[in-house]
């Protein structure tokens, strides 16, 4: 499911920041890390979603396909 989302809806993916869950995550992170900016949290979420293709052996499958 994460492969279908990006933090801001780029690359023809669904916009995670448009969902209520994004605000829940944002507030939870702000609560535990009060010095974190909304920009940095969004940037980190974006990075996590962008790397979703590497989860569950995705990177290994791609690397094996190149050999």
C-alpha atoms as a PDB file:
ATOM      1  CA  UNK A   1       0.000   0.000   0.000  1.00  0.00           C
ATOM      2  CA  UNK A   2       2.859   2.422   0.756  1.00  0.00           C
ATOM      3  CA  UNK A   3       3.994   2.128  -2.852  1.00  0.00           C
ATOM      4  CA  UNK A   4       0.821   3.969  -3.871  1.00  0.00           C
ATOM      5  CA  UNK A   5       1.575   7.049  -1.733  1.00  0.00           C
ATOM      6  CA  UNK A   6       3.987   9.928  -1.579  1.00  0.00           C
ATOM      7  CA  UNK A   7       3.983  12.560   1.147  1.00  0.00           C
ATOM      8  CA  UNK A   8       2.732  15.272  -1.202  1.00  0.00           C
ATOM      9  CA  UNK A   9       1.192  13.274  -4.065  1.00  0.00           C
ATOM     10  CA  UNK A  10       4.063  13.547  -6.522  1.00  0.00           C
ATOM     11  CA  UNK A  11       4.902  11.108  -9.344  1.00  0.00           C
ATOM     12  CA  UNK A  12       1.217  10.294  -9.912  1.00  0.00           C
ATOM     13  CA  UNK A  13       0.898   8.790  -6.442  1.00  0.00           C
ATOM     14  CA  UNK A  14      -1.740   9.384  -3.800  1.00  0.00           C
ATOM     15  CA  UNK A  15      -1.196  12.363  -1.508  1.00  0.00           C
ATOM     16  CA  UNK A  16      -0.584  11.032   2.011  1.00  0.00           C
ATOM     17  CA  UNK A  17      -0.731  14.542   3.500  1.00  0.00           C
ATOM     18  CA  UNK A  18      -4.372  14.718   2.404  1.00  0.00           C
ATOM     19  CA  UNK A  19      -5.375  11.937   4.790  1.00  0.00           C
ATOM     20  CA  UNK A  20      -6.262  12.283   8.474  1.00  0.00           C
ATOM     21  CA  UNK A  21      -3.607   9.704   9.325  1.00  0.00           C
ATOM     22  CA  UNK A  22      -0.920  12.134   8.151  1.00  0.00           C
ATOM     23  CA  UNK A  23      -2.047  14.661  10.773  1.00  0.00           C
ATOM     24  CA  UNK A  24      -2.143  11.963  13.445  1.00  0.00           C
ATOM     25  CA  UNK A  25       1.442  10.958  12.617  1.00  0.00           C
ATOM     26  CA  UNK A  26       2.502  14.607  12.463  1.00  0.00           C
ATOM     27  CA  UNK A  27       1.038  15.406  15.886  1.00  0.00           C
ATOM     28  CA  UNK A  28       2.479  12.235  17.443  1.00  0.00           C
ATOM     29  CA  UNK A  29       5.959  13.083  16.188  1.00  0.00           C
ATOM     30  CA  UNK A  30       5.613  16.692  17.354  1.00  0.00           C
ATOM     31  CA  UNK A  31       4.532  15.439  20.777  1.00  0.00           C
ATOM     32  CA  UNK A  32       7.562  13.177  21.182  1.00  0.00           C
ATOM     33  CA  UNK A  33       9.992  15.511  19.382  1.00  0.00           C
ATOM     34  CA  UNK A  34       8.758  19.061  20.076  1.00  0.00           C
ATOM     35  CA  UNK A  35      11.742  20.672  18.348  1.00  0.00           C
ATOM     36  CA  UNK A  36      10.889  18.997  15.024  1.00  0.00           C
ATOM     37  CA  UNK A  37       9.451  21.229  12.336  1.00  0.00           C
ATOM     38  CA  UNK A  38       6.490  20.219  10.219  1.00  0.00           C
ATOM     39  CA  UNK A  39       8.731  20.601   7.162  1.00  0.00           C
ATOM     40  CA  UNK A  40      11.309  18.138   8.527  1.00  0.00           C
ATOM     41  CA  UNK A  41       8.674  15.612   9.577  1.00  0.00           C
ATOM     42  CA  UNK A  42       7.067  15.782   6.125  1.00  0.00           C
ATOM     43  CA  UNK A  43      10.482  15.394   4.520  1.00  0.00           C
ATOM     44  CA  UNK A  44      11.175  12.301   6.647  1.00  0.00           C
ATOM     45  CA  UNK A  45       7.777  10.781   5.819  1.00  0.00           C
ATOM     46  CA  UNK A  46       8.493  11.435   2.167  1.00  0.00           C
ATOM     47  CA  UNK A  47      11.824   9.627   2.431  1.00  0.00           C
ATOM     48  CA  UNK A  48      10.234   6.616   4.130  1.00  0.00           C
ATOM     49  CA  UNK A  49       7.496   6.338   1.494  1.00  0.00           C
ATOM     50  CA  UNK A  50      10.015   6.748  -1.331  1.00  0.00           C
ATOM     51  CA  UNK A  51      12.008   3.793  -0.024  1.00  0.00           C
ATOM     52  CA  UNK A  52       8.954   1.527   0.291  1.00  0.00           C
ATOM     53  CA  UNK A  53       9.985  -0.333  -2.865  1.00  0.00           C
ATOM     54  CA  UNK A  54      12.991  -1.689  -0.967  1.00  0.00           C
ATOM     55  CA  UNK A  55      10.863  -3.261   1.752  1.00  0.00           C
ATOM     56  CA  UNK A  56      10.055  -6.971   1.894  1.00  0.00           C
ATOM     57  CA  UNK A  57      12.984  -7.963  -0.295  1.00  0.00           C
ATOM     58  CA  UNK A  58      12.238  -5.504  -3.098  1.00  0.00           C
ATOM     59  CA  UNK A  59      15.817  -4.278  -3.311  1.00  0.00           C
ATOM     60  CA  UNK A  60      17.190  -7.810  -3.329  1.00  0.00           C
ATOM     61  CA  UNK A  61      14.793  -8.800  -6.123  1.00  0.00           C
ATOM     62  CA  UNK A  62      15.907  -5.813  -8.230  1.00  0.00           C
ATOM     63  CA  UNK A  63      19.584  -6.523  -7.582  1.00  0.00           C
ATOM     64  CA  UNK A  64      19.190 -10.187  -8.492  1.00  0.00           C
ATOM     65  CA  UNK A  65      17.487  -9.192 -11.723  1.00  0.00           C
ATOM     66  CA  UNK A  66      20.509  -7.116 -12.774  1.00  0.00           C
ATOM     67  CA  UNK A  67      23.011  -9.967 -12.415  1.00  0.00           C
END
